[in-house]
Every structure is written in C-alpha cells, then in structure tokens.
Protein backbone atom coordinates (compact mmCIF):
# COMPACT_ATOMS: atom_id res chain seq x y z
CA MET A 1 -32.83 91.86 5.95
CA MET A 2 -34.13 95.63 5.64
CA MET A 3 -32.26 97.70 7.53
CA GLU A 4 -30.60 101.38 7.25
CA ALA A 5 -29.64 103.51 9.29
CA PRO A 6 -31.44 107.05 8.84
CA GLY A 7 -30.25 109.95 6.97
CA ALA A 8 -28.69 113.14 8.83
CA VAL A 9 -29.10 112.14 12.28
CA GLN A 10 -27.38 113.03 15.63
CA PHE A 11 -25.77 110.13 17.12
CA VAL A 12 -26.64 109.90 20.82
CA VAL A 13 -25.00 107.50 23.62
CA PRO A 14 -27.71 104.60 24.04
CA ARG A 15 -29.36 104.41 27.23
CA ARG A 16 -31.96 102.48 28.95
CA GLU A 17 -36.16 102.76 27.84
CA VAL A 18 -37.54 99.11 29.40
CA THR A 19 -37.91 100.43 33.04
CA ASP A 20 -41.16 98.32 33.34
CA ALA A 21 -42.16 95.07 32.74
CA SER A 22 -44.94 96.41 31.11
CA LEU A 23 -43.01 98.06 28.47
CA VAL A 24 -41.80 95.30 26.95
CA GLU A 25 -44.67 95.08 24.78
CA SER A 26 -43.28 98.31 23.39
CA TRP A 27 -39.70 96.85 23.33
CA THR A 28 -41.13 93.90 21.03
CA ASN A 29 -42.98 96.88 18.92
CA SER A 30 -39.74 98.66 18.50
CA GLN A 31 -37.68 99.30 15.35
CA ALA A 32 -34.90 98.24 17.11
CA TYR A 33 -36.58 94.42 18.37
CA SER A 34 -37.43 94.50 15.03
CA ASP A 35 -33.91 94.99 13.25
CA ILE A 36 -32.13 92.85 15.64
CA PHE A 37 -34.58 89.62 15.26
CA GLY A 38 -34.15 90.32 11.31
CA LEU A 39 -30.47 90.03 11.87
CA VAL A 40 -30.91 86.67 13.72
CA GLN A 41 -33.31 85.65 10.85
CA ALA A 42 -30.67 86.95 8.06
CA PHE A 43 -27.67 85.75 9.73
CA ASN A 44 -29.04 82.33 10.14
CA GLU A 45 -30.19 82.29 6.66
CA ALA A 46 -26.70 82.80 5.75
CA ALA A 47 -25.67 80.01 7.72
CA LYS A 48 -27.16 77.27 6.50
CA GLY A 49 -25.30 74.81 5.78
CA LYS A 50 -22.05 76.60 6.12
CA ALA A 51 -19.23 75.45 8.43
CA CYS A 52 -16.59 77.80 9.95
CA GLN A 53 -13.93 79.54 8.73
CA LYS A 54 -10.75 78.83 9.88
CA ASP A 55 -9.16 81.12 8.56
CA SER A 56 -10.15 85.27 6.51
CA GLU A 57 -8.80 84.21 3.20
CA GLY A 58 -11.40 85.90 1.40
CA ASN A 59 -13.10 88.01 3.57
CA SER A 60 -13.65 92.09 3.25
CA GLU A 61 -11.52 93.59 5.14
CA GLU A 62 -14.21 94.74 7.30
CA THR A 63 -14.55 91.55 8.78
CA ARG A 64 -10.83 90.64 9.18
CA HIS A 65 -10.80 94.12 11.31
CA LEU A 66 -13.63 92.52 13.46
CA VAL A 67 -11.43 89.32 13.40
CA ASP A 68 -8.33 91.39 14.79
CA LEU A 69 -10.29 92.80 16.99
CA LEU A 70 -11.31 90.33 18.92
CA SER A 71 -8.11 89.04 18.94
CA LYS A 72 -7.05 91.73 20.67
CA LEU A 73 -9.27 91.37 23.44
CA ASP A 74 -7.82 87.89 23.56
CA LYS A 75 -4.22 89.22 24.19
CA TRP A 76 -5.71 91.58 26.89
CA ILE A 77 -6.78 88.40 28.80
CA ASP A 78 -3.43 86.56 28.86
CA GLU A 79 -1.99 90.14 29.59
CA ILE A 80 -4.53 90.40 32.68
CA PRO A 81 -4.47 86.82 34.77
CA PRO A 82 -6.42 86.12 37.38
CA ILE A 83 -5.18 87.72 40.93
CA ASP A 84 -5.45 85.19 43.96
CA GLN A 85 -8.35 85.71 46.12
CA PRO A 86 -10.77 83.99 49.01
CA GLN A 87 -14.32 83.15 46.79
CA ARG A 88 -13.91 80.41 44.28
CA PHE A 89 -15.97 82.53 41.55
CA GLY A 90 -15.76 86.05 40.17
CA ASN A 91 -12.31 86.62 39.89
CA LYS A 92 -11.51 90.81 40.54
CA ALA A 93 -9.35 90.70 37.54
CA PHE A 94 -12.13 90.62 35.03
CA ARG A 95 -12.74 94.24 36.21
CA THR A 96 -9.07 95.27 35.44
CA TRP A 97 -9.94 94.10 31.65
CA HIS A 98 -13.51 95.34 31.16
CA GLU A 99 -11.96 98.79 32.31
CA ARG A 100 -9.48 98.07 29.75
CA LEU A 101 -12.20 97.42 27.08
CA GLU A 102 -14.74 100.73 28.21
CA MET A 103 -11.38 102.72 27.87
CA ASN A 104 -10.44 101.45 24.51
CA ALA A 105 -14.00 100.33 22.90
CA MET A 106 -14.63 104.14 20.86
CA SER A 107 -11.33 103.68 19.48
CA LEU A 108 -11.73 100.01 18.44
CA VAL A 109 -14.68 100.76 16.83
CA ASP A 110 -13.21 104.01 14.86
CA PRO A 111 -11.45 102.41 11.71
CA LEU A 112 -14.10 100.94 11.29
CA LEU A 113 -16.59 103.04 10.42
CA PRO A 114 -16.73 105.91 7.45
CA ASP A 115 -15.69 109.55 7.64
CA LYS A 116 -19.28 110.43 7.63
CA TYR A 117 -20.59 108.11 10.55
CA LYS A 118 -17.45 108.68 12.58
CA ASP A 119 -19.26 110.24 15.53
CA ALA A 120 -21.23 106.49 15.81
CA ASN A 121 -18.56 105.04 17.94
CA LYS A 122 -19.63 106.81 20.90
CA GLU A 123 -22.97 104.81 20.23
CA ILE A 124 -22.12 101.29 18.77
CA ALA A 125 -18.47 101.54 21.46
CA VAL A 126 -21.54 101.02 23.64
CA TYR A 127 -23.22 97.86 22.50
CA LEU A 128 -19.12 96.17 22.22
CA SER A 129 -18.78 96.79 25.88
CA GLY A 130 -21.76 95.51 26.50
CA GLY A 131 -20.92 92.75 24.88
CA PHE A 132 -18.28 90.88 27.21
CA GLY A 133 -20.41 90.51 30.78
CA ASN A 134 -20.71 92.43 33.47
CA ALA A 135 -18.19 94.10 35.08
CA THR A 136 -20.05 94.91 39.00
CA ARG A 137 -21.53 91.60 39.32
CA ILE A 138 -18.74 89.30 37.29
CA ASP A 139 -21.46 86.95 35.24
CA TYR A 140 -21.87 86.61 31.51
CA GLY A 141 -25.09 85.75 29.92
CA THR A 142 -27.61 86.16 27.02
CA GLY A 143 -28.22 89.71 27.26
CA HIS A 144 -24.18 90.27 26.59
CA GLU A 145 -24.38 88.01 23.62
CA LEU A 146 -27.30 90.10 22.72
CA SER A 147 -25.33 93.06 23.15
CA PHE A 148 -22.69 92.28 20.71
CA ALA A 149 -25.38 91.53 18.02
CA ALA A 150 -26.68 94.54 18.64
CA PHE A 151 -23.12 95.71 18.13
CA LEU A 152 -23.19 93.98 14.41
CA CYS A 153 -26.64 95.42 13.84
CA CYS A 154 -24.90 98.91 14.11
CA LEU A 155 -22.20 97.88 11.49
CA CYS A 156 -25.25 96.32 9.85
CA LYS A 157 -27.24 99.81 9.55
CA LEU A 158 -24.47 101.31 8.93
CA ARG A 159 -23.67 99.44 5.85
CA VAL A 160 -20.41 98.91 7.13
CA LEU A 161 -20.95 94.46 6.99
CA LYS A 162 -22.84 94.60 3.72
CA GLU A 163 -25.42 91.34 3.03
CA ASP A 164 -22.32 89.25 1.03
CA ASP A 165 -20.30 89.66 4.80
CA PHE A 166 -22.70 87.82 6.94
CA GLY A 167 -22.18 84.46 5.90
CA SER A 168 -17.89 85.62 6.86
CA VAL A 169 -19.54 87.29 10.22
CA VAL A 170 -21.63 84.15 11.67
CA CYS A 171 -19.07 81.68 10.51
CA ARG A 172 -15.92 83.24 11.19
CA VAL A 173 -16.28 86.52 13.52
CA PHE A 174 -18.91 84.77 15.30
CA PRO A 175 -16.95 82.05 16.48
CA ALA A 176 -13.78 84.36 17.40
CA TYR A 177 -16.80 85.92 19.40
CA LEU A 178 -16.92 82.77 21.33
CA ASP A 179 -13.40 82.43 21.73
CA VAL A 180 -13.39 85.38 23.62
CA THR A 181 -16.29 84.83 26.35
CA ARG A 182 -14.96 81.73 26.57
CA LYS A 183 -11.55 82.39 27.49
CA LEU A 184 -13.15 85.34 29.99
CA GLN A 185 -15.16 82.78 31.92
CA SER A 186 -12.75 80.01 31.98
CA THR A 187 -10.33 82.13 33.20
CA TYR A 188 -11.90 84.77 35.14
CA ASN A 189 -14.37 81.72 37.26
CA MET A 190 -17.36 83.85 35.40
CA GLU A 191 -20.69 83.54 37.33
CA PRO A 192 -23.64 82.72 34.30
CA ALA A 193 -26.46 85.64 34.12
CA GLY A 194 -30.14 85.02 34.82
CA SER A 195 -28.67 80.83 33.99
CA GLN A 196 -31.96 78.48 34.27
CA GLY A 197 -29.65 75.84 35.45
CA VAL A 198 -30.49 72.53 34.44
CA TRP A 199 -34.18 73.99 33.19
CA GLY A 200 -32.12 76.89 30.53
CA LEU A 201 -30.66 75.54 27.36
CA ASP A 202 -27.30 76.65 28.17
CA ASP A 203 -25.87 78.62 30.86
CA PHE A 204 -24.32 81.50 28.80
CA GLN A 205 -24.81 81.50 24.99
CA PHE A 206 -28.22 81.08 22.57
CA LEU A 207 -27.38 82.53 19.24
CA PRO A 208 -24.62 80.39 18.14
CA TYR A 209 -27.45 77.03 18.61
CA ILE A 210 -29.18 78.92 16.02
CA TRP A 211 -26.68 79.97 14.12
CA GLY A 212 -25.22 76.72 14.80
CA SER A 213 -28.25 74.39 14.36
CA SER A 214 -28.40 75.93 10.67
CA GLN A 215 -24.99 75.47 9.77
CA LEU A 216 -25.70 71.93 9.96
CA ILE A 217 -29.02 71.52 8.11
CA GLY A 218 -28.13 69.46 5.04
CA ARG A 219 -25.09 67.45 7.05
CA SER A 220 -26.41 64.48 6.55
CA LYS A 221 -23.27 62.47 8.04
CA ILE A 222 -24.04 64.48 11.65
CA GLU A 223 -27.30 63.64 12.73
CA PRO A 224 -29.11 65.09 15.64
CA SER A 225 -29.13 62.16 17.90
CA SER A 226 -25.51 62.52 18.12
CA PHE A 227 -24.48 65.27 19.34
CA PRO A 228 -24.42 64.44 22.94
CA ASP A 229 -21.93 62.39 22.06
CA PRO A 230 -19.04 63.94 23.44
CA LYS A 231 -16.92 62.06 20.79
CA VAL A 232 -18.95 63.33 17.98
CA ALA A 233 -18.81 67.20 19.69
CA ASN A 234 -15.09 67.34 20.06
CA PHE A 235 -14.42 66.29 16.71
CA ASN A 236 -17.19 68.58 14.51
CA ALA A 237 -16.29 71.20 17.63
CA GLY A 238 -13.92 73.18 14.79
CA ASP A 239 -16.20 73.08 12.34
CA PHE A 240 -19.87 74.17 13.44
CA MET A 241 -20.71 76.51 16.66
CA PHE A 242 -23.55 73.82 17.96
CA MET A 243 -20.61 71.36 18.66
CA SER A 244 -18.85 73.86 20.20
CA CYS A 245 -20.86 74.25 22.36
CA ILE A 246 -21.79 70.90 23.42
CA ASP A 247 -17.94 70.63 23.70
CA PHE A 248 -17.73 73.29 25.83
CA ILE A 249 -20.00 72.14 28.05
CA TYR A 250 -18.30 68.69 28.62
CA LYS A 251 -15.29 71.06 29.33
CA MET A 252 -16.85 72.51 32.10
CA LYS A 253 -19.66 70.29 33.00
CA THR A 254 -19.43 66.52 34.71
CA GLY A 255 -21.94 64.42 35.37
CA PRO A 256 -24.73 62.39 32.95
CA PHE A 257 -25.42 65.24 29.79
CA ASN A 258 -28.95 64.44 30.18
CA GLU A 259 -28.88 65.57 33.93
CA HIS A 260 -26.67 68.40 33.56
CA SER A 261 -28.04 69.84 29.62
CA SER A 262 -31.92 68.62 29.62
CA ILE A 263 -33.20 70.44 27.49
CA LEU A 264 -30.34 70.15 24.96
CA TYR A 265 -30.66 65.98 25.66
CA SER A 266 -34.39 66.25 24.13
CA ILE A 267 -33.73 68.74 21.85
CA SER A 268 -31.39 65.69 20.40
CA GLY A 269 -34.22 63.27 19.95
CA LEU A 270 -35.67 65.82 16.96
CA PRO A 271 -35.49 64.16 13.26
CA THR A 272 -33.91 67.06 11.70
CA TRP A 273 -31.79 70.17 11.87
CA SER A 274 -34.21 72.50 10.44
CA LYS A 275 -36.57 71.34 13.40
CA ILE A 276 -34.14 71.93 15.59
CA ASN A 277 -33.23 75.37 14.40
CA LYS A 278 -36.87 76.47 13.74
CA GLY A 279 -37.86 75.44 17.79
CA LEU A 280 -34.91 77.31 18.45
CA ILE A 281 -35.47 80.92 17.03
CA LYS A 282 -39.37 80.27 18.61
CA MET A 283 -37.36 79.61 21.81
CA TYR A 284 -34.79 82.41 21.86
CA LYS A 285 -38.31 85.13 21.34
CA GLY A 286 -40.08 83.36 24.17
CA GLU A 287 -36.75 83.23 26.57
CA VAL A 288 -34.45 85.86 25.71
CA LEU A 289 -36.05 89.21 23.08
CA THR A 290 -38.98 88.88 25.32
CA LYS A 291 -38.07 88.73 29.10
CA PHE A 292 -37.85 91.84 31.11
CA PRO A 293 -34.39 90.40 33.10
CA ILE A 294 -32.55 90.60 30.25
CA ILE A 295 -34.48 93.61 27.99
CA GLN A 296 -34.80 95.76 31.17
CA HIS A 297 -30.46 96.50 30.38
CA PHE A 298 -30.61 97.27 26.78
CA PRO A 299 -29.34 100.61 25.66
CA PHE A 300 -31.44 102.51 22.76
CA GLY A 301 -29.82 105.11 20.56
CA THR A 302 -29.86 106.50 16.88
CA LEU A 303 -29.30 103.73 15.35
CA LEU A 304 -31.34 100.93 17.45
CA PRO A 305 -35.02 103.30 18.89
CA PHE A 306 -37.38 102.50 21.34
CA THR A 307 -39.92 104.43 18.73
CA PRO A 308 -41.97 101.92 16.83
CA LYS A 309 -41.26 99.39 14.06
CA ARG A 310 -41.30 101.48 10.60
CA GLN A 311 -43.91 100.24 8.28
CA GLN A 312 -43.05 98.94 5.52
C-alpha cells in the first residue's frame, strides 16, 4: 500500500465535501478514496490466516498506545452510566461520553505523533471523534466505522503506523475498537445508523467481516457452513473477528438466524472463506463506500483530500 503524507503541508480541520449525490463519483476518483480502500486491502492481506492477539506483547509502541487509548475510552463508559429516561433507545448519557471524547481527542492523539507532525492532531482527532457514533442521533453504523478506518489511515500516511504494524493493528487494535463500540451500543442502547434491517449484512459493522473472513482463510477446521451455529461462533469469538460479530448478533437478537440475518445466512452457503472474503470486499464498495447517505458525512482534509487521485 503506497500511502504517504505530502511533504511540508498545512494541516486543517477536515470538512465535508460530498454535499450532493452527483459528487459521489468525484469521491470514488479522489485520493482519499484510493488511500482508504488501499488500507482495507492492505489490512485484509495482513490479517490472512492470523488469529486475534490476546495481548500487545511484541507490538510496536504505537500499536500499544492505540490499545491503551481504546482502553481509556472503555473506562469512560464505566464512569458515565446510562441515565433513567422514558425512552428505551438512545440513552442521553452517550452525549456526555461523546462530549468527553471530543474535548480530549487532540490530547489522545498527540502522543502518537512525531514533533514534525504535531499540528496534524487537529485533523486526525476529527476522524477519531467520528469513529464512535453520532451524539445528536445517538446512533452508530458503518459510516462511523469508516471514520475510525480513516483515523488509522491518517496514522499510516504519517508513517506512525508502518507496514510491519498492520498485522497487529488489524488483529489487536481493531478488535479492541470493536469491544468499545459494542459496549457503547449495549450500554446506551444506541440505534443502528442507516440499518437495512434483514436486508443488510449487519446493523452496525462491516469491516470486521472482511478482515475476519481473511483471518479464517486456510483454517480448514472452521467451515463457512458452521458459523451460523451459535456454539461455533461463541467458541471462536475470541480468535476471529468474523465469529465475534456472529456471537454479538446472538447476544443482541432473538429468533432464527436465517430470518434476522438473512444475508449472513446466505453467505454461509459459499464453499470457501476466500470466496466470502472477495465477495465482502466487493459488497463493501457497493454498500458503504459508494453510498451517498454515508459519504455525505465524511470529512476531507490535507491527509485525506477530496482532490483527484495522484497518478502513479
């Protein structure tokens, strides 16, 4: 993955550019799109055949810092319990949690950055803050997940995260991110943002299915046909993101799997994890990266510019 930040640059607070559906094509031709999709592919390759890491032993200082950052966000949830309110969904205590994140985002990012890129924290902090849900609607979805991916992408472009880190990021950092988002969803009863219901892959996530299916490539003991079994999913949830997603669905939903998760159930009929992985990448481009309702909220800056992709 060839991603580098420009030389001497002026970092800015990112802003939205895709204000109309007609601009989606400009987005797919942009440098930002190229870099983010490049990250999806590079992390997908780095995850191939690898189980999730239980600890940060052997990881770089940068990846350990990211895990510590996410651990801090997790503890904030404990410090800000849900409030008593009449409505079941969208507990307003989430707004307090999110306000704390926005107020501290730059200071959370700052220790990761070398001195020459300290000014980039105002740019990167926006993607970190956007990665955990919307405080007004109290919802979370694939657009917020995309924002966290953009946060990681920025760190790659600044060479804070290097190619040697990709395996640890996707198998240690990203599962830690999922733990935080799931705790937010269950603690504050967050609504799924833009959910397609039974016709969508998942109410909240997409990337862990891509990278999680890559983890399972070559794992002959776990056949695709077995993942709808709740016992199989639960047993393997700690090792593979795909299985942790299925396990979380069983914790959040009741009823037959083939009814509430029909797309996933149909995927279990494919013969190999490799076919599933390729299909999910194609689906991600179609269902997330090119959808105006999602991309209209994505902000662009110096690191992820709306300008046309640079020619190699």
